[in-house]
Amino acid sequence: MSARRMASGAGLILASLLAAVPASANENVPGADAGNCTTSLIGTPLTIPEYPAATQKKLDEDIEIARFALRIAPDREESHFWLGRRLGYAGRVCEAIVVFSDGLKAFPDSYKLRRYRARHLARARAFDAALADYRDALALMEGKPDSFEPDGLPNAIGLTIGTYRSNIVYYHAQTSFATGDYPTVVAGMAKALELAPDFARNDMRVPTAYWTYLAYRKMGEHEKARAAINAIEPGLELIENFTYYQAVQIMQGRLDPADIEDVRDSTIKFAIAMDRRFAGDEAGAKALLTEIVRENPQGHWPAEAELAHRFQRL
């Protein structure tokens, strides 16, 4: 897809998908109180993950380097968002939100800081605030060219595949699943795929099909759901998103979960749990969704949202 085509989608997105709001509407999101980083939506405790010693050392070093960069160059937008992102990689989500919010005081028109804060607000279960940040970010991008978003955790070939605009639209749609706004999930996933660069299109096709399928099933549009998931063919060449691809193949019935080496992955287990729900196995779905949340130190907000919406308190 050409850069011109990627940029031209912004007006359509704002007009047909998201109700644009003034960029100042979400700038007073509180810091550490912006979300919940201690308790899941079903009441289980959340903790910062324990990493292997070498991984933790690298995470801590990256955070300290980012802190130093912010101290010496606070007038650079990226100094703020890299510190926030590094904290997020270490599981320190609410600390990251504080950093992004402080950065927005210095750069109130930063769609990048809003994009990153939105992602962390969703991780902190502040879904409405996250959605507002995504809308603000798109409004601030209106009329501006798209650009590739730098990777903090590069893929195997070190090639950045996501752009700011496509990621903002994608994550807005994904977060809308938590609020039960399934039509927006469907529309947003279609827009995110449209905005993906050509070389990364397959990698965007897989997760957008995953969430589109789930949203259509939740809406009772079962034929549309099946069409969305069956559009993903076998033998797809990917740069990343391999786990989503396995989950999609499970949804298609082409892959048996027993044949997957790491079936403990939350994306895969969530797909299995939701198919249990759609098949009428409420007890099995509830058990697996609860297991997903409990086995992850920071929970799993899609599973939590599904449990909260469907089963209320456990």
Protein backbone atom coordinates (compact mmCIF):
# COMPACT_ATOMS: atom_id res chain seq x y z
CA MET A 1 0.00 0.00 0.00
CA SER A 2 1.35 3.43 -0.86
CA ALA A 3 2.06 6.09 1.76
CA ARG A 4 -0.56 8.27 0.09
CA ARG A 5 -3.21 5.58 0.43
CA MET A 6 -2.29 4.93 4.07
CA ALA A 7 -2.64 8.62 4.87
CA SER A 8 -5.90 9.06 2.96
CA GLY A 9 -7.77 6.62 5.20
CA ALA A 10 -7.71 8.96 8.18
CA GLY A 11 -10.70 11.05 7.18
CA LEU A 12 -12.82 7.99 6.46
CA ILE A 13 -11.89 6.45 9.78
CA LEU A 14 -12.84 9.53 11.74
CA ALA A 15 -16.04 10.06 9.78
CA SER A 16 -17.38 6.52 9.65
CA LEU A 17 -15.82 4.70 12.57
CA LEU A 18 -14.88 6.98 15.46
CA ALA A 19 -16.62 10.08 16.72
CA ALA A 20 -13.73 12.54 16.91
CA VAL A 21 -13.45 14.52 20.13
CA PRO A 22 -11.31 17.54 20.98
CA ALA A 23 -7.73 16.53 21.70
CA SER A 24 -7.96 18.15 25.12
CA ALA A 25 -10.86 15.98 26.27
CA ASN A 26 -8.69 13.26 27.78
CA GLU A 27 -5.63 15.15 28.95
CA ASN A 28 -6.58 15.09 32.64
CA VAL A 29 -6.46 11.32 33.05
CA PRO A 30 -4.96 10.81 36.54
CA GLY A 31 -1.63 9.10 36.87
CA ALA A 32 -1.36 5.99 39.00
CA ASP A 33 -5.10 6.16 39.70
CA ALA A 34 -6.00 6.00 36.00
CA GLY A 35 -6.56 2.26 36.12
CA ASN A 36 -6.37 -0.83 38.25
CA CYS A 37 -2.97 -2.48 38.41
CA THR A 38 -3.57 -4.46 41.60
CA THR A 39 -6.87 -6.32 41.07
CA SER A 40 -8.41 -7.95 38.00
CA LEU A 41 -12.02 -7.41 36.93
CA ILE A 42 -12.92 -10.65 38.69
CA GLY A 43 -11.18 -9.71 41.92
CA THR A 44 -7.96 -11.73 41.63
CA PRO A 45 -4.68 -10.06 42.65
CA LEU A 46 -2.36 -8.67 39.98
CA THR A 47 1.40 -8.55 40.40
CA ILE A 48 4.43 -7.48 38.43
CA PRO A 49 5.72 -10.56 36.56
CA GLU A 50 8.82 -12.36 37.79
CA TYR A 51 11.32 -12.68 34.95
CA PRO A 52 14.48 -14.76 34.64
CA ALA A 53 17.47 -12.93 36.12
CA ALA A 54 19.02 -12.07 32.75
CA THR A 55 15.72 -10.75 31.40
CA GLN A 56 15.09 -8.68 34.53
CA LYS A 57 18.59 -7.23 34.34
CA LYS A 58 18.01 -6.16 30.74
CA LEU A 59 14.61 -4.65 31.56
CA ASP A 60 16.06 -2.69 34.50
CA GLU A 61 18.99 -1.45 32.42
CA ASP A 62 16.66 -0.30 29.64
CA ILE A 63 14.53 1.60 32.15
CA GLU A 64 17.56 3.33 33.65
CA ILE A 65 18.85 4.31 30.21
CA ALA A 66 15.40 5.70 29.37
CA ARG A 67 15.31 7.64 32.66
CA PHE A 68 18.70 9.14 31.88
CA ALA A 69 17.57 10.08 28.37
CA LEU A 70 14.53 11.82 29.80
CA ARG A 71 16.63 13.73 32.33
CA ILE A 72 19.02 15.07 29.71
CA ALA A 73 16.49 15.55 26.91
CA PRO A 74 13.04 16.29 28.39
CA ASP A 75 12.28 18.43 25.34
CA ARG A 76 12.22 15.36 23.10
CA GLU A 77 8.87 13.60 22.71
CA GLU A 78 10.49 10.19 22.38
CA SER A 79 12.28 10.58 25.71
CA HIS A 80 8.89 10.46 27.40
CA PHE A 81 7.32 7.65 25.42
CA TRP A 82 10.36 5.39 25.58
CA LEU A 83 10.51 5.55 29.35
CA GLY A 84 6.82 4.77 29.55
CA ARG A 85 7.13 1.89 27.10
CA ARG A 86 10.15 0.43 28.92
CA LEU A 87 8.21 0.49 32.19
CA GLY A 88 5.32 -1.21 30.43
CA TYR A 89 7.54 -4.00 29.09
CA ALA A 90 8.59 -4.66 32.70
CA GLY A 91 4.95 -4.93 33.78
CA ARG A 92 4.94 -1.58 35.61
CA VAL A 93 1.81 -0.43 33.82
CA CYS A 94 0.50 2.26 36.13
CA GLU A 95 3.97 3.81 36.44
CA ALA A 96 4.03 3.93 32.65
CA ILE A 97 0.68 5.75 32.59
CA VAL A 98 2.12 8.42 34.89
CA VAL A 99 5.07 8.92 32.54
CA PHE A 100 2.84 9.24 29.47
CA SER A 101 0.53 11.66 31.29
CA ASP A 102 3.50 13.79 32.37
CA GLY A 103 4.77 13.73 28.81
CA LEU A 104 1.43 15.02 27.55
CA LYS A 105 1.83 18.07 29.76
CA ALA A 106 4.92 18.95 27.74
CA PHE A 107 3.52 17.66 24.40
CA PRO A 108 -0.26 18.11 24.57
CA ASP A 109 -0.66 17.49 20.83
CA SER A 110 1.27 14.21 20.80
CA TYR A 111 -0.71 11.44 19.16
CA LYS A 112 2.18 9.08 19.94
CA LEU A 113 1.97 9.62 23.70
CA ARG A 114 -1.81 9.21 23.54
CA ARG A 115 -1.46 6.00 21.55
CA TYR A 116 0.92 4.51 24.13
CA ARG A 117 -1.05 5.76 27.12
CA ALA A 118 -4.22 4.29 25.64
CA ARG A 119 -2.62 0.87 25.33
CA HIS A 120 -1.52 0.96 28.96
CA LEU A 121 -4.87 2.31 30.15
CA ALA A 122 -6.48 -0.72 28.52
CA ARG A 123 -3.99 -2.96 30.32
CA ALA A 124 -5.04 -1.18 33.52
CA ARG A 125 -8.71 -1.87 32.67
CA ALA A 126 -9.54 1.84 32.20
CA PHE A 127 -11.25 1.05 28.92
CA ASP A 128 -13.27 4.22 28.44
CA ALA A 129 -10.21 6.39 29.06
CA ALA A 130 -8.21 4.24 26.66
CA LEU A 131 -10.82 4.57 23.93
CA ALA A 132 -10.87 8.34 24.41
CA ASP A 133 -7.09 8.49 24.04
CA TYR A 134 -7.25 6.48 20.82
CA ARG A 135 -9.92 8.80 19.42
CA ASP A 136 -7.84 11.83 20.40
CA ALA A 137 -4.76 10.32 18.79
CA LEU A 138 -6.59 9.80 15.49
CA ALA A 139 -7.94 13.33 15.59
CA LEU A 140 -4.42 14.67 16.12
CA MET A 141 -3.15 12.59 13.19
CA GLU A 142 -5.74 14.00 10.80
CA GLY A 143 -3.97 15.42 7.76
CA LYS A 144 -0.58 14.07 8.81
CA PRO A 145 1.35 11.32 7.02
CA ASP A 146 1.54 7.95 8.69
CA SER A 147 4.86 6.51 9.88
CA PHE A 148 6.17 3.21 11.19
CA GLU A 149 6.03 2.77 14.92
CA PRO A 150 9.42 1.87 16.44
CA ASP A 151 9.61 -1.59 17.97
CA GLY A 152 10.83 -1.95 21.52
CA LEU A 153 10.65 -5.73 21.24
CA PRO A 154 11.74 -6.44 17.65
CA ASN A 155 10.59 -9.49 15.72
CA ALA A 156 12.99 -12.20 14.56
CA ILE A 157 14.07 -10.31 11.44
CA GLY A 158 14.16 -6.89 13.09
CA LEU A 159 11.58 -5.43 10.69
CA THR A 160 9.02 -2.97 11.99
CA ILE A 161 5.62 -3.80 10.49
CA GLY A 162 3.14 -1.58 12.32
CA THR A 163 2.32 2.05 11.59
CA TYR A 164 0.92 4.51 14.11
CA ARG A 165 -2.40 4.93 12.33
CA SER A 166 -3.01 1.24 11.70
CA ASN A 167 -2.04 0.37 15.29
CA ILE A 168 -4.26 3.06 16.78
CA VAL A 169 -7.25 1.89 14.76
CA TYR A 170 -6.52 -1.77 15.54
CA TYR A 171 -6.15 -1.28 19.29
CA HIS A 172 -9.19 0.98 19.47
CA ALA A 173 -11.17 -1.83 17.87
CA GLN A 174 -9.66 -4.46 20.14
CA THR A 175 -10.36 -2.41 23.27
CA SER A 176 -13.98 -1.96 22.13
CA PHE A 177 -14.39 -5.72 22.70
CA ALA A 178 -14.02 -5.05 26.43
CA THR A 179 -16.92 -2.58 26.42
CA GLY A 180 -19.18 -4.85 24.38
CA ASP A 181 -19.15 -2.56 21.34
CA TYR A 182 -18.88 -5.38 18.83
CA PRO A 183 -19.91 -3.41 15.71
CA THR A 184 -16.95 -1.10 16.34
CA VAL A 185 -14.69 -4.13 16.70
CA VAL A 186 -15.75 -5.34 13.26
CA ALA A 187 -15.52 -1.95 11.57
CA GLY A 188 -12.22 -1.08 13.23
CA MET A 189 -10.56 -4.36 12.32
CA ALA A 190 -11.55 -3.85 8.68
CA LYS A 191 -10.06 -0.33 8.74
CA ALA A 192 -6.87 -1.51 10.42
CA LEU A 193 -6.40 -4.12 7.70
CA GLU A 194 -7.01 -1.49 5.02
CA LEU A 195 -4.31 0.71 6.56
CA ALA A 196 -1.68 -2.01 6.93
CA PRO A 197 1.36 -1.71 4.64
CA ASP A 198 1.34 -4.23 1.82
CA PHE A 199 4.34 -6.25 3.01
CA ALA A 200 2.73 -6.73 6.45
CA ARG A 201 -0.80 -7.38 5.24
CA ASN A 202 -0.78 -11.08 6.09
CA ASP A 203 0.39 -10.29 9.60
CA MET A 204 -2.55 -7.91 10.03
CA ARG A 205 -5.03 -10.30 8.43
CA VAL A 206 -4.57 -12.88 11.18
CA PRO A 207 -5.36 -10.88 14.35
CA THR A 208 -8.07 -8.85 12.61
CA ALA A 209 -9.77 -12.10 11.56
CA TYR A 210 -9.46 -13.38 15.15
CA TRP A 211 -11.23 -10.39 16.68
CA THR A 212 -13.71 -10.03 13.83
CA TYR A 213 -14.75 -13.66 14.29
CA LEU A 214 -15.25 -13.19 18.03
CA ALA A 215 -17.22 -9.97 17.55
CA TYR A 216 -19.53 -11.46 14.91
CA ARG A 217 -20.13 -14.52 17.10
CA LYS A 218 -21.01 -12.25 20.02
CA MET A 219 -23.46 -10.43 17.73
CA GLY A 220 -25.04 -13.69 16.60
CA GLU A 221 -23.79 -13.21 13.03
CA HIS A 222 -22.44 -16.74 12.77
CA GLU A 223 -22.17 -16.97 8.97
CA LYS A 224 -20.22 -13.71 8.81
CA ALA A 225 -17.99 -14.95 11.62
CA ARG A 226 -17.25 -18.17 9.78
CA ALA A 227 -16.53 -16.30 6.54
CA ALA A 228 -14.11 -13.97 8.33
CA ILE A 229 -12.14 -16.78 9.92
CA ASN A 230 -12.17 -19.08 6.89
CA ALA A 231 -10.65 -16.34 4.74
CA ILE A 232 -7.32 -17.11 6.42
CA GLU A 233 -5.72 -19.81 4.30
CA PRO A 234 -3.32 -22.58 5.34
CA GLY A 235 0.40 -22.04 4.87
CA LEU A 236 0.27 -18.28 5.34
CA GLU A 237 3.70 -16.63 5.34
CA LEU A 238 4.12 -14.36 8.36
CA ILE A 239 6.75 -12.12 9.90
CA GLU A 240 5.21 -12.35 13.37
CA ASN A 241 1.72 -13.08 14.80
CA PHE A 242 2.37 -16.83 14.71
CA THR A 243 0.40 -17.38 17.92
CA TYR A 244 -2.64 -15.59 16.52
CA TYR A 245 -2.33 -17.80 13.44
CA GLN A 246 -2.48 -20.94 15.58
CA ALA A 247 -5.51 -19.55 17.41
CA VAL A 248 -7.24 -18.81 14.11
CA GLN A 249 -6.59 -22.34 12.88
CA ILE A 250 -8.14 -23.69 16.09
CA MET A 251 -11.21 -21.53 15.45
CA GLN A 252 -11.34 -22.93 11.92
CA GLY A 253 -11.13 -26.50 13.18
CA ARG A 254 -7.96 -27.06 11.17
CA LEU A 255 -5.72 -27.38 14.19
CA ASP A 256 -6.19 -29.51 17.29
CA PRO A 257 -5.08 -27.72 20.47
CA ALA A 258 -3.45 -30.98 21.54
CA ASP A 259 -0.99 -30.57 18.67
CA ILE A 260 0.26 -27.19 19.89
CA GLU A 261 3.43 -27.20 21.95
CA ASP A 262 2.58 -24.11 24.03
CA VAL A 263 -1.17 -24.33 24.46
CA ARG A 264 -0.82 -22.25 27.63
CA ASP A 265 -0.57 -19.06 25.57
CA SER A 266 -3.44 -16.77 26.56
CA THR A 267 -4.38 -15.83 22.99
CA ILE A 268 -4.84 -19.50 22.11
CA LYS A 269 -6.60 -20.39 25.35
CA PHE A 270 -8.98 -17.45 24.97
CA ALA A 271 -9.94 -18.70 21.49
CA ILE A 272 -10.62 -22.16 22.93
CA ALA A 273 -12.62 -20.73 25.84
CA MET A 274 -14.76 -18.58 23.55
CA ASP A 275 -15.49 -21.51 21.23
CA ARG A 276 -16.63 -23.42 24.31
CA ARG A 277 -18.99 -20.58 25.07
CA PHE A 278 -20.31 -20.46 21.52
CA ALA A 279 -20.87 -24.25 21.66
CA GLY A 280 -22.97 -23.84 24.82
CA ASP A 281 -20.37 -25.18 27.26
CA GLU A 282 -20.74 -22.38 29.78
CA ALA A 283 -19.08 -24.26 32.63
CA GLY A 284 -16.07 -25.19 30.51
CA ALA A 285 -15.76 -21.65 29.18
CA LYS A 286 -15.94 -20.13 32.65
CA ALA A 287 -13.34 -22.53 34.00
CA LEU A 288 -10.86 -21.83 31.20
CA LEU A 289 -11.40 -18.07 31.21
CA THR A 290 -10.81 -18.02 34.96
CA GLU A 291 -7.69 -20.14 34.53
CA ILE A 292 -6.32 -17.68 31.96
CA VAL A 293 -6.74 -14.78 34.38
CA ARG A 294 -5.36 -16.58 37.41
CA GLU A 295 -2.26 -17.99 35.73
CA ASN A 296 -1.11 -14.59 34.42
CA PRO A 297 0.48 -12.27 37.01
CA GLN A 298 -1.16 -9.29 35.29
CA GLY A 299 -4.37 -11.06 34.41
CA HIS A 300 -5.86 -11.04 30.92
CA TRP A 301 -8.33 -8.27 30.30
CA PRO A 302 -10.27 -9.89 27.41
CA ALA A 303 -10.96 -12.95 29.57
CA GLU A 304 -11.78 -10.74 32.54
CA ALA A 305 -14.18 -8.64 30.48
CA GLU A 306 -15.92 -11.76 29.17
CA LEU A 307 -16.27 -13.14 32.68
CA ALA A 308 -17.52 -9.82 34.03
CA HIS A 309 -20.05 -9.37 31.24
CA ARG A 310 -21.33 -12.93 31.11
CA PHE A 311 -20.91 -14.39 34.53
CA GLN A 312 -20.74 -11.28 36.73
CA ARG A 313 -18.79 -11.93 39.94
CA LEU A 314 -17.33 -15.39 40.50
